[in-house]
Amino acid sequence: MKMTDQKKVILGGLMMVFAYGLSNNIVAYYITPVTQSLGYTRVAFNFCFTLMSIVSFLAAPVYGWMFMKVPIRKIIMIGGVAGAACFFGYSLCSHIMAFYAVGILQGAVQSGCTNMAIVVLIMR
């Protein structure tokens, strides 16, 4: 059975939604152990995700422009690699400012390679 282009888009969209949910929710499992071992409050640590959301919101218009100029596969691949690097970067963080820096980088790439890309793929 050959997969049609529509099925490929749907499957790709499902995988990106899964990646978006995973990247947003899996971090919650690490809040308690990280804050306890490093001695930071949960509020200070969760500010990282506030920064990530703000940067993601501000990056949305840039991605809107990029989707018209750059092939969507390239944006998704670069964002996926950068997002994976962010999760590796979190593992190297030992100071709260490093968590903030990685959160900002993750916010810059996350929406472009997940939720916004899904909409563009389906519309095309």
PDB file of N, CA and C in Angstrom:
ATOM      1  N   MET A   1       0.839  -1.178   0.000  1.00  0.00           N
ATOM      2  CA  MET A   1       0.000   0.000   0.000  1.00  0.00           C
ATOM      3  C   MET A   1       0.886   1.244   0.000  1.00  0.00           C
ATOM      4  N   LYS A   2       0.698   2.085  -0.990  1.00  0.00           N
ATOM      5  CA  LYS A   2       1.484   3.305  -1.112  1.00  0.00           C
ATOM      6  C   LYS A   2       0.811   4.432  -0.329  1.00  0.00           C
ATOM      7  N   MET A   3       1.629   5.165   0.401  1.00  0.00           N
ATOM      8  CA  MET A   3       1.101   6.256   1.216  1.00  0.00           C
ATOM      9  C   MET A   3       0.927   7.506   0.351  1.00  0.00           C
ATOM     10  N   THR A   4      -0.255   8.075   0.371  1.00  0.00           N
ATOM     11  CA  THR A   4      -0.525   9.290  -0.398  1.00  0.00           C
ATOM     12  C   THR A   4       0.092  10.496   0.287  1.00  0.00           C
ATOM     13  N   ASP A   5       0.171  11.588  -0.460  1.00  0.00           N
ATOM     14  CA  ASP A   5       0.730  12.818   0.102  1.00  0.00           C
ATOM     15  C   ASP A   5      -0.102  13.321   1.273  1.00  0.00           C
ATOM     16  N   GLN A   6      -1.432  13.177   1.184  1.00  0.00           N
ATOM     17  CA  GLN A   6      -2.291  13.602   2.292  1.00  0.00           C
ATOM     18  C   GLN A   6      -1.986  12.803   3.552  1.00  0.00           C
ATOM     19  N   LYS A   7      -1.806  11.512   3.408  1.00  0.00           N
ATOM     20  CA  LYS A   7      -1.501  10.674   4.570  1.00  0.00           C
ATOM     21  C   LYS A   7      -0.140  11.025   5.149  1.00  0.00           C
ATOM     22  N   LYS A   8       0.806  11.360   4.288  1.00  0.00           N
ATOM     23  CA  LYS A   8       2.134  11.760   4.774  1.00  0.00           C
ATOM     24  C   LYS A   8       2.041  13.047   5.597  1.00  0.00           C
ATOM     25  N   VAL A   9       1.249  13.991   5.110  1.00  0.00           N
ATOM     26  CA  VAL A   9       1.082  15.259   5.830  1.00  0.00           C
ATOM     27  C   VAL A   9       0.414  15.012   7.175  1.00  0.00           C
ATOM     28  N   ILE A  10      -0.616  14.183   7.190  1.00  0.00           N
ATOM     29  CA  ILE A  10      -1.316  13.882   8.446  1.00  0.00           C
ATOM     30  C   ILE A  10      -0.376  13.177   9.422  1.00  0.00           C
ATOM     31  N   LEU A  11       0.372  12.201   8.934  1.00  0.00           N
ATOM     32  CA  LEU A  11       1.315  11.491   9.799  1.00  0.00           C
ATOM     33  C   LEU A  11       2.406  12.432  10.315  1.00  0.00           C
ATOM     34  N   GLY A  12       2.921  13.278   9.424  1.00  0.00           N
ATOM     35  CA  GLY A  12       3.926  14.262   9.846  1.00  0.00           C
ATOM     36  C   GLY A  12       3.364  15.232  10.868  1.00  0.00           C
ATOM     37  N   GLY A  13       2.127  15.677  10.657  1.00  0.00           N
ATOM     38  CA  GLY A  13       1.482  16.577  11.618  1.00  0.00           C
ATOM     39  C   GLY A  13       1.308  15.926  12.973  1.00  0.00           C
ATOM     40  N   LEU A  14       0.894  14.660  12.961  1.00  0.00           N
ATOM     41  CA  LEU A  14       0.743  13.940  14.233  1.00  0.00           C
ATOM     42  C   LEU A  14       2.072  13.813  14.960  1.00  0.00           C
ATOM     43  N   MET A  15       3.119  13.540  14.225  1.00  0.00           N
ATOM     44  CA  MET A  15       4.439  13.416  14.860  1.00  0.00           C
ATOM     45  C   MET A  15       4.910  14.753  15.431  1.00  0.00           C
ATOM     46  N   MET A  16       4.613  15.855  14.717  1.00  0.00           N
ATOM     47  CA  MET A  16       5.014  17.167  15.228  1.00  0.00           C
ATOM     48  C   MET A  16       4.187  17.579  16.441  1.00  0.00           C
ATOM     49  N   VAL A  17       2.899  17.240  16.458  1.00  0.00           N
ATOM     50  CA  VAL A  17       2.079  17.515  17.641  1.00  0.00           C
ATOM     51  C   VAL A  17       2.612  16.727  18.830  1.00  0.00           C
ATOM     52  N   PHE A  18       2.990  15.482  18.590  1.00  0.00           N
ATOM     53  CA  PHE A  18       3.579  14.665  19.655  1.00  0.00           C
ATOM     54  C   PHE A  18       4.866  15.309  20.166  1.00  0.00           C
ATOM     55  N   ALA A  19       5.716  15.771  19.252  1.00  0.00           N
ATOM     56  CA  ALA A  19       6.970  16.414  19.650  1.00  0.00           C
ATOM     57  C   ALA A  19       6.706  17.686  20.451  1.00  0.00           C
ATOM     58  N   TYR A  20       5.721  18.458  20.026  1.00  0.00           N
ATOM     59  CA  TYR A  20       5.378  19.693  20.742  1.00  0.00           C
ATOM     60  C   TYR A  20       4.897  19.376  22.157  1.00  0.00           C
ATOM     61  N   GLY A  21       4.001  18.396  22.271  1.00  0.00           N
ATOM     62  CA  GLY A  21       3.506  18.001  23.590  1.00  0.00           C
ATOM     63  C   GLY A  21       4.610  17.446  24.464  1.00  0.00           C
ATOM     64  N   LEU A  22       5.477  16.648  23.862  1.00  0.00           N
ATOM     65  CA  LEU A  22       6.590  16.068  24.615  1.00  0.00           C
ATOM     66  C   LEU A  22       7.529  17.156  25.121  1.00  0.00           C
ATOM     67  N   SER A  23       7.872  18.088  24.237  1.00  0.00           N
ATOM     68  CA  SER A  23       8.820  19.126  24.646  1.00  0.00           C
ATOM     69  C   SER A  23       8.229  20.064  25.691  1.00  0.00           C
ATOM     70  N   ASN A  24       6.919  20.226  25.693  1.00  0.00           N
ATOM     71  CA  ASN A  24       6.296  21.100  26.689  1.00  0.00           C
ATOM     72  C   ASN A  24       6.017  20.397  28.013  1.00  0.00           C
ATOM     73  N   ASN A  25       5.740  19.121  27.981  1.00  0.00           N
ATOM     74  CA  ASN A  25       5.277  18.440  29.184  1.00  0.00           C
ATOM     75  C   ASN A  25       6.321  17.587  29.890  1.00  0.00           C
ATOM     76  N   ILE A  26       7.280  17.061  29.184  1.00  0.00           N
ATOM     77  CA  ILE A  26       8.239  16.174  29.829  1.00  0.00           C
ATOM     78  C   ILE A  26       9.115  16.919  30.828  1.00  0.00           C
ATOM     79  N   VAL A  27       9.321  18.184  30.585  1.00  0.00           N
ATOM     80  CA  VAL A  27      10.165  18.982  31.476  1.00  0.00           C
ATOM     81  C   VAL A  27       9.560  19.057  32.880  1.00  0.00           C
ATOM     82  N   ALA A  28       8.244  18.965  32.977  1.00  0.00           N
ATOM     83  CA  ALA A  28       7.580  19.042  34.285  1.00  0.00           C
ATOM     84  C   ALA A  28       8.035  17.942  35.230  1.00  0.00           C
ATOM     85  N   TYR A  29       8.443  16.805  34.692  1.00  0.00           N
ATOM     86  CA  TYR A  29       8.903  15.704  35.537  1.00  0.00           C
ATOM     87  C   TYR A  29      10.246  15.997  36.199  1.00  0.00           C
ATOM     88  N   TYR A  30      10.972  16.954  35.656  1.00  0.00           N
ATOM     89  CA  TYR A  30      12.305  17.243  36.174  1.00  0.00           C
ATOM     90  C   TYR A  30      12.357  18.466  37.079  1.00  0.00           C
ATOM     91  N   ILE A  31      11.252  19.160  37.235  1.00  0.00           N
ATOM     92  CA  ILE A  31      11.269  20.387  38.036  1.00  0.00           C
ATOM     93  C   ILE A  31      11.676  20.107  39.474  1.00  0.00           C
ATOM     94  N   THR A  32      11.018  19.158  40.119  1.00  0.00           N
ATOM     95  CA  THR A  32      11.312  18.880  41.531  1.00  0.00           C
ATOM     96  C   THR A  32      12.740  18.388  41.738  1.00  0.00           C
ATOM     97  N   PRO A  33      13.210  17.367  41.018  1.00  0.00           N
ATOM     98  CA  PRO A  33      14.581  16.912  41.278  1.00  0.00           C
ATOM     99  C   PRO A  33      15.646  17.963  40.952  1.00  0.00           C
ATOM    100  N   VAL A  34      15.439  18.731  39.893  1.00  0.00           N
ATOM    101  CA  VAL A  34      16.437  19.742  39.519  1.00  0.00           C
ATOM    102  C   VAL A  34      16.474  20.867  40.545  1.00  0.00           C
ATOM    103  N   THR A  35      15.303  21.353  40.942  1.00  0.00           N
ATOM    104  CA  THR A  35      15.291  22.450  41.909  1.00  0.00           C
ATOM    105  C   THR A  35      15.841  22.011  43.261  1.00  0.00           C
ATOM    106  N   GLN A  36      15.566  20.780  43.660  1.00  0.00           N
ATOM    107  CA  GLN A  36      16.091  20.294  44.938  1.00  0.00           C
ATOM    108  C   GLN A  36      17.604  20.103  44.886  1.00  0.00           C
ATOM    109  N   SER A  37      18.109  19.558  43.788  1.00  0.00           N
ATOM    110  CA  SER A  37      19.550  19.304  43.734  1.00  0.00           C
ATOM    111  C   SER A  37      20.364  20.578  43.530  1.00  0.00           C
ATOM    112  N   LEU A  38      19.813  21.562  42.835  1.00  0.00           N
ATOM    113  CA  LEU A  38      20.555  22.800  42.602  1.00  0.00           C
ATOM    114  C   LEU A  38      20.234  23.898  43.610  1.00  0.00           C
ATOM    115  N   GLY A  39      19.167  23.700  44.386  1.00  0.00           N
ATOM    116  CA  GLY A  39      18.829  24.657  45.432  1.00  0.00           C
ATOM    117  C   GLY A  39      18.070  25.883  44.958  1.00  0.00           C
ATOM    118  N   TYR A  40      17.420  25.802  43.812  1.00  0.00           N
ATOM    119  CA  TYR A  40      16.616  26.923  43.320  1.00  0.00           C
ATOM    120  C   TYR A  40      15.147  26.699  43.655  1.00  0.00           C
ATOM    121  N   THR A  41      14.409  27.793  43.743  1.00  0.00           N
ATOM    122  CA  THR A  41      12.967  27.661  43.967  1.00  0.00           C
ATOM    123  C   THR A  41      12.299  27.224  42.672  1.00  0.00           C
ATOM    124  N   ARG A  42      11.128  26.649  42.804  1.00  0.00           N
ATOM    125  CA  ARG A  42      10.389  26.238  41.602  1.00  0.00           C
ATOM    126  C   ARG A  42       9.968  27.441  40.781  1.00  0.00           C
ATOM    127  N   VAL A  43       9.690  28.544  41.455  1.00  0.00           N
ATOM    128  CA  VAL A  43       9.314  29.766  40.743  1.00  0.00           C
ATOM    129  C   VAL A  43      10.463  30.236  39.855  1.00  0.00           C
ATOM    130  N   ALA A  44      11.670  30.257  40.398  1.00  0.00           N
ATOM    131  CA  ALA A  44      12.834  30.688  39.616  1.00  0.00           C
ATOM    132  C   ALA A  44      13.073  29.749  38.435  1.00  0.00           C
ATOM    133  N   PHE A  45      12.911  28.459  38.670  1.00  0.00           N
ATOM    134  CA  PHE A  45      13.126  27.488  37.602  1.00  0.00           C
ATOM    135  C   PHE A  45      12.028  27.581  36.546  1.00  0.00           C
ATOM    136  N   ASN A  46      10.790  27.742  36.959  1.00  0.00           N
ATOM    137  CA  ASN A  46       9.684  27.818  35.999  1.00  0.00           C
ATOM    138  C   ASN A  46       9.704  29.099  35.180  1.00  0.00           C
ATOM    139  N   PHE A  47      10.417  30.119  35.641  1.00  0.00           N
ATOM    140  CA  PHE A  47      10.559  31.341  34.855  1.00  0.00           C
ATOM    141  C   PHE A  47      11.227  31.046  33.512  1.00  0.00           C
ATOM    142  N   CYS A  48      12.025  30.002  33.479  1.00  0.00           N
ATOM    143  CA  CYS A  48      12.650  29.550  32.238  1.00  0.00           C
ATOM    144  C   CYS A  48      11.585  29.281  31.172  1.00  0.00           C
ATOM    145  N   PHE A  49      10.488  28.658  31.567  1.00  0.00           N
ATOM    146  CA  PHE A  49       9.435  28.307  30.624  1.00  0.00           C
ATOM    147  C   PHE A  49       8.572  29.513  30.266  1.00  0.00           C
ATOM    148  N   THR A  50       8.520  30.488  31.162  1.00  0.00           N
ATOM    149  CA  THR A  50       7.865  31.746  30.838  1.00  0.00           C
ATOM    150  C   THR A  50       8.654  32.464  29.749  1.00  0.00           C
ATOM    151  N   LEU A  51       9.968  32.507  29.911  1.00  0.00           N
ATOM    152  CA  LEU A  51      10.821  33.110  28.888  1.00  0.00           C
ATOM    153  C   LEU A  51      10.670  32.377  27.561  1.00  0.00           C
ATOM    154  N   MET A  52      10.640  31.049  27.617  1.00  0.00           N
ATOM    155  CA  MET A  52      10.488  30.245  26.410  1.00  0.00           C
ATOM    156  C   MET A  52       9.186  30.595  25.690  1.00  0.00           C
ATOM    157  N   SER A  53       8.100  30.749  26.424  1.00  0.00           N
ATOM    158  CA  SER A  53       6.807  31.077  25.829  1.00  0.00           C
ATOM    159  C   SER A  53       6.794  32.477  25.230  1.00  0.00           C
ATOM    160  N   ILE A  54       7.397  33.426  25.906  1.00  0.00           N
ATOM    161  CA  ILE A  54       7.442  34.798  25.399  1.00  0.00           C
ATOM    162  C   ILE A  54       8.248  34.863  24.108  1.00  0.00           C
ATOM    163  N   VAL A  55       9.394  34.220  24.088  1.00  0.00           N
ATOM    164  CA  VAL A  55      10.227  34.220  22.886  1.00  0.00           C
ATOM    165  C   VAL A  55       9.509  33.505  21.749  1.00  0.00           C
ATOM    166  N   SER A  56       8.837  32.419  22.047  1.00  0.00           N
ATOM    167  CA  SER A  56       8.079  31.685  21.032  1.00  0.00           C
ATOM    168  C   SER A  56       6.987  32.564  20.432  1.00  0.00           C
ATOM    169  N   PHE A  57       6.316  33.318  21.277  1.00  0.00           N
ATOM    170  CA  PHE A  57       5.278  34.251  20.825  1.00  0.00           C
ATOM    171  C   PHE A  57       5.870  35.332  19.922  1.00  0.00           C
ATOM    172  N   LEU A  58       7.007  35.870  20.307  1.00  0.00           N
ATOM    173  CA  LEU A  58       7.645  36.924  19.526  1.00  0.00           C
ATOM    174  C   LEU A  58       8.241  36.396  18.224  1.00  0.00           C
ATOM    175  N   ALA A  59       8.612  35.123  18.199  1.00  0.00           N
ATOM    176  CA  ALA A  59       9.201  34.531  16.997  1.00  0.00           C
ATOM    177  C   ALA A  59       8.154  34.153  15.953  1.00  0.00           C
ATOM    178  N   ALA A  60       6.904  34.081  16.344  1.00  0.00           N
ATOM    179  CA  ALA A  60       5.841  33.639  15.424  1.00  0.00           C
ATOM    180  C   ALA A  60       5.785  34.458  14.127  1.00  0.00           C
ATOM    181  N   PRO A  61       5.831  35.784  14.163  1.00  0.00           N
ATOM    182  CA  PRO A  61       5.801  36.535  12.899  1.00  0.00           C
ATOM    183  C   PRO A  61       7.019  36.254  12.013  1.00  0.00           C
ATOM    184  N   VAL A  62       8.148  36.010  12.635  1.00  0.00           N
ATOM    185  CA  VAL A  62       9.361  35.691  11.872  1.00  0.00           C
ATOM    186  C   VAL A  62       9.168  34.373  11.132  1.00  0.00           C
ATOM    187  N   TYR A  63       8.590  33.390  11.810  1.00  0.00           N
ATOM    188  CA  TYR A  63       8.329  32.112  11.154  1.00  0.00           C
ATOM    189  C   TYR A  63       7.283  32.256  10.055  1.00  0.00           C
ATOM    190  N   GLY A  64       6.304  33.111  10.254  1.00  0.00           N
ATOM    191  CA  GLY A  64       5.331  33.370   9.198  1.00  0.00           C
ATOM    192  C   GLY A  64       6.009  33.847   7.926  1.00  0.00           C
ATOM    193  N   TRP A  65       6.986  34.722   8.066  1.00  0.00           N
ATOM    194  CA  TRP A  65       7.750  35.205   6.922  1.00  0.00           C
ATOM    195  C   TRP A  65       8.636  34.098   6.363  1.00  0.00           C
ATOM    196  N   MET A  66       9.298  33.356   7.255  1.00  0.00           N
ATOM    197  CA  MET A  66      10.214  32.302   6.805  1.00  0.00           C
ATOM    198  C   MET A  66       9.500  31.205   6.031  1.00  0.00           C
ATOM    199  N   PHE A  67       8.270  30.869   6.426  1.00  0.00           N
ATOM    200  CA  PHE A  67       7.544  29.813   5.729  1.00  0.00           C
ATOM    201  C   PHE A  67       7.254  30.190   4.278  1.00  0.00           C
ATOM    202  N   MET A  68       7.267  31.477   3.971  1.00  0.00           N
ATOM    203  CA  MET A  68       7.066  31.909   2.592  1.00  0.00           C
ATOM    204  C   MET A  68       8.369  31.901   1.797  1.00  0.00           C
ATOM    205  N   LYS A  69       9.510  31.983   2.481  1.00  0.00           N
ATOM    206  CA  LYS A  69      10.801  32.135   1.806  1.00  0.00           C
ATOM    207  C   LYS A  69      11.686  30.887   1.858  1.00  0.00           C
ATOM    208  N   VAL A  70      11.576  30.103   2.915  1.00  0.00           N
ATOM    209  CA  VAL A  70      12.471  28.962   3.149  1.00  0.00           C
ATOM    210  C   VAL A  70      11.644  27.680   3.071  1.00  0.00           C
ATOM    211  N   PRO A  71      12.183  26.628   2.468  1.00  0.00           N
ATOM    212  CA  PRO A  71      11.438  25.361   2.439  1.00  0.00           C
ATOM    213  C   PRO A  71      11.096  24.881   3.850  1.00  0.00           C
ATOM    214  N   ILE A  72       9.859  24.449   4.012  1.00  0.00           N
ATOM    215  CA  ILE A  72       9.370  24.072   5.345  1.00  0.00           C
ATOM    216  C   ILE A  72      10.159  22.912   5.936  1.00  0.00           C
ATOM    217  N   ARG A  73      10.593  21.980   5.102  1.00  0.00           N
ATOM    218  CA  ARG A  73      11.385  20.845   5.612  1.00  0.00           C
ATOM    219  C   ARG A  73      12.683  21.321   6.252  1.00  0.00           C
ATOM    220  N   LYS A  74      13.283  22.330   5.656  1.00  0.00           N
ATOM    221  CA  LYS A  74      14.533  22.872   6.198  1.00  0.00           C
ATOM    222  C   LYS A  74      14.288  23.500   7.573  1.00  0.00           C
ATOM    223  N   ILE A  75      13.197  24.248   7.699  1.00  0.00           N
ATOM    224  CA  ILE A  75      12.861  24.882   8.974  1.00  0.00           C
ATOM    225  C   ILE A  75      12.608  23.811  10.042  1.00  0.00           C
ATOM    226  N   ILE A  76      11.856  22.782   9.674  1.00  0.00           N
ATOM    227  CA  ILE A  76      11.548  21.711  10.629  1.00  0.00           C
ATOM    228  C   ILE A  76      12.812  20.973  11.044  1.00  0.00           C
ATOM    229  N   MET A  77      13.679  20.670  10.093  1.00  0.00           N
ATOM    230  CA  MET A  77      14.916  19.949  10.422  1.00  0.00           C
ATOM    231  C   MET A  77      15.835  20.778  11.320  1.00  0.00           C
ATOM    232  N   ILE A  78      16.036  22.029  10.958  1.00  0.00           N
ATOM    233  CA  ILE A  78      16.902  22.891  11.771  1.00  0.00           C
ATOM    234  C   ILE A  78      16.310  23.074  13.165  1.00  0.00           C
ATOM    235  N   GLY A  79      14.993  23.298  13.225  1.00  0.00           N
ATOM    236  CA  GLY A  79      14.334  23.445  14.522  1.00  0.00           C
ATOM    237  C   GLY A  79      14.393  22.182  15.353  1.00  0.00           C
ATOM    238  N   GLY A  80      14.243  21.038  14.714  1.00  0.00           N
ATOM    239  CA  GLY A  80      14.323  19.770  15.434  1.00  0.00           C
ATOM    240  C   GLY A  80      15.706  19.517  16.015  1.00  0.00           C
ATOM    241  N   VAL A  81      16.730  19.792  15.225  1.00  0.00           N
ATOM    242  CA  VAL A  81      18.109  19.615  15.705  1.00  0.00           C
ATOM    243  C   VAL A  81      18.410  20.611  16.830  1.00  0.00           C
ATOM    244  N   ALA A  82      17.993  21.863  16.636  1.00  0.00           N
ATOM    245  CA  ALA A  82      18.226  22.876  17.675  1.00  0.00           C
ATOM    246  C   ALA A  82      17.445  22.545  18.948  1.00  0.00           C
ATOM    247  N   GLY A  83      16.209  22.044  18.795  1.00  0.00           N
ATOM    248  CA  GLY A  83      15.422  21.654  19.958  1.00  0.00           C
ATOM    249  C   GLY A  83      16.056  20.505  20.726  1.00  0.00           C
ATOM    250  N   ALA A  84      16.575  19.515  19.994  1.00  0.00           N
ATOM    251  CA  ALA A  84      17.271  18.406  20.642  1.00  0.00           C
ATOM    252  C   ALA A  84      18.530  18.907  21.355  1.00  0.00           C
ATOM    253  N   ALA A  85      19.225  19.839  20.720  1.00  0.00           N
ATOM    254  CA  ALA A  85      20.414  20.418  21.351  1.00  0.00           C
ATOM    255  C   ALA A  85      20.035  21.162  22.637  1.00  0.00           C
ATOM    256  N   CYS A  86      18.854  21.776  22.642  1.00  0.00           N
ATOM    257  CA  CYS A  86      18.393  22.470  23.853  1.00  0.00           C
ATOM    258  C   CYS A  86      18.203  21.479  25.001  1.00  0.00           C
ATOM    259  N   PHE A  87      17.598  20.336  24.712  1.00  0.00           N
ATOM    260  CA  PHE A  87      17.416  19.350  25.775  1.00  0.00           C
ATOM    261  C   PHE A  87      18.762  18.829  26.275  1.00  0.00           C
ATOM    262  N   PHE A  88      19.714  18.675  25.383  1.00  0.00           N
ATOM    263  CA  PHE A  88      21.064  18.308  25.810  1.00  0.00           C
ATOM    264  C   PHE A  88      21.667  19.453  26.625  1.00  0.00           C
ATOM    265  N   GLY A  89      21.406  20.685  26.193  1.00  0.00           N
ATOM    266  CA  GLY A  89      21.905  21.855  26.917  1.00  0.00           C
ATOM    267  C   GLY A  89      21.364  21.939  28.333  1.00  0.00           C
ATOM    268  N   TYR A  90      20.083  21.590  28.514  1.00  0.00           N
ATOM    269  CA  TYR A  90      19.525  21.571  29.867  1.00  0.00           C
ATOM    270  C   TYR A  90      20.314  20.641  30.772  1.00  0.00           C
ATOM    271  N   SER A  91      20.772  19.522  30.220  1.00  0.00           N
ATOM    272  CA  SER A  91      21.504  18.558  31.053  1.00  0.00           C
ATOM    273  C   SER A  91      22.854  19.103  31.498  1.00  0.00           C
ATOM    274  N   LEU A  92      23.373  20.088  30.789  1.00  0.00           N
ATOM    275  CA  LEU A  92      24.666  20.676  31.142  1.00  0.00           C
ATOM    276  C   LEU A  92      24.546  21.878  32.067  1.00  0.00           C
ATOM    277  N   CYS A  93      23.338  22.379  32.258  1.00  0.00           N
ATOM    278  CA  CYS A  93      23.128  23.587  33.058  1.00  0.00           C
ATOM    279  C   CYS A  93      23.344  23.315  34.540  1.00  0.00           C
ATOM    280  N   SER A  94      24.076  24.216  35.177  1.00  0.00           N
ATOM    281  CA  SER A  94      24.268  24.112  36.620  1.00  0.00           C
ATOM    282  C   SER A  94      23.942  25.433  37.320  1.00  0.00           C
ATOM    283  N   HIS A  95      23.594  26.437  36.559  1.00  0.00           N
ATOM    284  CA  HIS A  95      23.238  27.741  37.097  1.00  0.00           C
ATOM    285  C   HIS A  95      21.915  28.167  36.472  1.00  0.00           C
ATOM    286  N   ILE A  96      21.114  28.891  37.218  1.00  0.00           N
ATOM    287  CA  ILE A  96      19.771  29.257  36.760  1.00  0.00           C
ATOM    288  C   ILE A  96      19.811  30.108  35.491  1.00  0.00           C
ATOM    289  N   MET A  97      20.818  30.948  35.348  1.00  0.00           N
ATOM    290  CA  MET A  97      20.919  31.781  34.142  1.00  0.00           C
ATOM    291  C   MET A  97      21.168  30.918  32.906  1.00  0.00           C
ATOM    292  N   ALA A  98      21.853  29.813  33.057  1.00  0.00           N
ATOM    293  CA  ALA A  98      22.057  28.894  31.928  1.00  0.00           C
ATOM    294  C   ALA A  98      20.736  28.264  31.509  1.00  0.00           C
ATOM    295  N   PHE A  99      19.888  27.916  32.476  1.00  0.00           N
ATOM    296  CA  PHE A  99      18.559  27.398  32.155  1.00  0.00           C
ATOM    297  C   PHE A  99      17.756  28.443  31.380  1.00  0.00           C
ATOM    298  N   TYR A 100      17.864  29.701  31.800  1.00  0.00           N
ATOM    299  CA  TYR A 100      17.148  30.776  31.119  1.00  0.00           C
ATOM    300  C   TYR A 100      17.637  30.920  29.672  1.00  0.00           C
ATOM    301  N   ALA A 101      18.939  30.863  29.474  1.00  0.00           N
ATOM    302  CA  ALA A 101      19.504  31.002  28.123  1.00  0.00           C
ATOM    303  C   ALA A 101      19.038  29.868  27.210  1.00  0.00           C
ATOM    304  N   VAL A 102      19.054  28.646  27.720  1.00  0.00           N
ATOM    305  CA  VAL A 102      18.599  27.510  26.919  1.00  0.00           C
ATOM    306  C   VAL A 102      17.098  27.621  26.658  1.00  0.00           C
ATOM    307  N   GLY A 103      16.339  28.077  27.638  1.00  0.00           N
ATOM    308  CA  GLY A 103      14.907  28.267  27.457  1.00  0.00           C
ATOM    309  C   GLY A 103      14.597  29.288  26.368  1.00  0.00           C
ATOM    310  N   ILE A 104      15.376  30.344  26.311  1.00  0.00           N
ATOM    311  CA  ILE A 104      15.200  31.363  25.271  1.00  0.00           C
ATOM    312  C   ILE A 104      15.488  30.753  23.899  1.00  0.00           C
ATOM    313  N   LEU A 105      16.560  29.988  23.788  1.00  0.00           N
ATOM    314  CA  LEU A 105      16.881  29.335  22.515  1.00  0.00           C
ATOM    315  C   LEU A 105      15.783  28.351  22.118  1.00  0.00           C
ATOM    316  N   GLN A 106      15.302  27.578  23.070  1.00  0.00           N
ATOM    317  CA  GLN A 106      14.237  26.629  22.776  1.00  0.00           C
ATOM    318  C   GLN A 106      12.972  27.357  22.326  1.00  0.00           C
ATOM    319  N   GLY A 107      12.649  28.454  22.950  1.00  0.00           N
ATOM    320  CA  GLY A 107      11.492  29.241  22.549  1.00  0.00           C
ATOM    321  C   GLY A 107      11.626  29.786  21.130  1.00  0.00           C
ATOM    322  N   ALA A 108      12.858  30.093  20.736  1.00  0.00           N
ATOM    323  CA  ALA A 108      13.093  30.631  19.397  1.00  0.00           C
ATOM    324  C   ALA A 108      12.861  29.590  18.308  1.00  0.00           C
ATOM    325  N   VAL A 109      13.069  28.312  18.603  1.00  0.00           N
ATOM    326  CA  VAL A 109      12.944  27.285  17.557  1.00  0.00           C
ATOM    327  C   VAL A 109      11.712  26.407  17.690  1.00  0.00           C
ATOM    328  N   GLN A 110      11.143  26.326  18.872  1.00  0.00           N
ATOM    329  CA  GLN A 110      10.100  25.340  19.124  1.00  0.00           C
ATOM    330  C   GLN A 110       8.845  25.533  18.280  1.00  0.00           C
ATOM    331  N   SER A 111       8.286  26.715  18.251  1.00  0.00           N
ATOM    332  CA  SER A 111       7.018  26.898  17.526  1.00  0.00           C
ATOM    333  C   SER A 111       7.197  26.760  16.026  1.00  0.00           C
ATOM    334  N   GLY A 112       8.351  27.145  15.515  1.00  0.00           N
ATOM    335  CA  GLY A 112       8.583  27.061  14.076  1.00  0.00           C
ATOM    336  C   GLY A 112       8.685  25.650  13.551  1.00  0.00           C
ATOM    337  N   CYS A 113       9.135  24.738  14.393  1.00  0.00           N
ATOM    338  CA  CYS A 113       9.278  23.362  13.908  1.00  0.00           C
ATOM    339  C   CYS A 113       8.175  22.450  14.417  1.00  0.00           C
ATOM    340  N   THR A 114       7.197  22.986  15.141  1.00  0.00           N
ATOM    341  CA  THR A 114       6.109  22.126  15.628  1.00  0.00           C
ATOM    342  C   THR A 114       4.747  22.715  15.267  1.00  0.00           C
ATOM    343  N   ASN A 115       4.141  23.453  16.169  1.00  0.00           N
ATOM    344  CA  ASN A 115       2.743  23.860  15.971  1.00  0.00           C
ATOM    345  C   ASN A 115       2.502  24.777  14.779  1.00  0.00           C
ATOM    346  N   MET A 116       3.385  25.720  14.495  1.00  0.00           N
ATOM    347  CA  MET A 116       3.184  26.581  13.330  1.00  0.00           C
ATOM    348  C   MET A 116       3.404  25.814  12.033  1.00  0.00           C
ATOM    349  N   ALA A 117       4.393  24.943  12.026  1.00  0.00           N
ATOM    350  CA  ALA A 117       4.678  24.159  10.824  1.00  0.00           C
ATOM    351  C   ALA A 117       3.520  23.229  10.481  1.00  0.00           C
ATOM    352  N   ILE A 118       2.856  22.716  11.493  1.00  0.00           N
ATOM    353  CA  ILE A 118       1.711  21.836  11.255  1.00  0.00           C
ATOM    354  C   ILE A 118       0.626  22.579  10.479  1.00  0.00           C
ATOM    355  N   VAL A 119       0.321  23.783  10.906  1.00  0.00           N
ATOM    356  CA  VAL A 119      -0.712  24.578  10.244  1.00  0.00           C
ATOM    357  C   VAL A 119      -0.326  24.855   8.799  1.00  0.00           C
ATOM    358  N   VAL A 120       0.917  25.224   8.577  1.00  0.00           N
ATOM    359  CA  VAL A 120       1.366  25.527   7.211  1.00  0.00           C
ATOM    360  C   VAL A 120       1.302  24.286   6.343  1.00  0.00           C
ATOM    361  N   LEU A 121       1.744  23.150   6.865  1.00  0.00           N
ATOM    362  CA  LEU A 121       1.682  21.904   6.084  1.00  0.00           C
ATOM    363  C   LEU A 121       0.266  21.549   5.692  1.00  0.00           C
ATOM    364  N   ILE A 122      -0.652  21.668   6.623  1.00  0.00           N
ATOM    365  CA  ILE A 122      -2.042  21.311   6.338  1.00  0.00           C
ATOM    366  C   ILE A 122      -2.652  22.288   5.336  1.00  0.00           C
ATOM    367  N   MET A 123      -2.334  23.579   5.475  1.00  0.00           N
ATOM    368  CA  MET A 123      -2.890  24.580   4.556  1.00  0.00           C
ATOM    369  C   MET A 123      -2.347  24.387   3.134  1.00  0.00           C
ATOM    370  N   ARG A 124      -1.104  23.962   3.003  1.00  0.00           N
ATOM    371  CA  ARG A 124      -0.522  23.773   1.675  1.00  0.00           C
ATOM    372  C   ARG A 124      -1.042  22.501   1.056  1.00  0.00           C
TER     373      ARG A 124
END
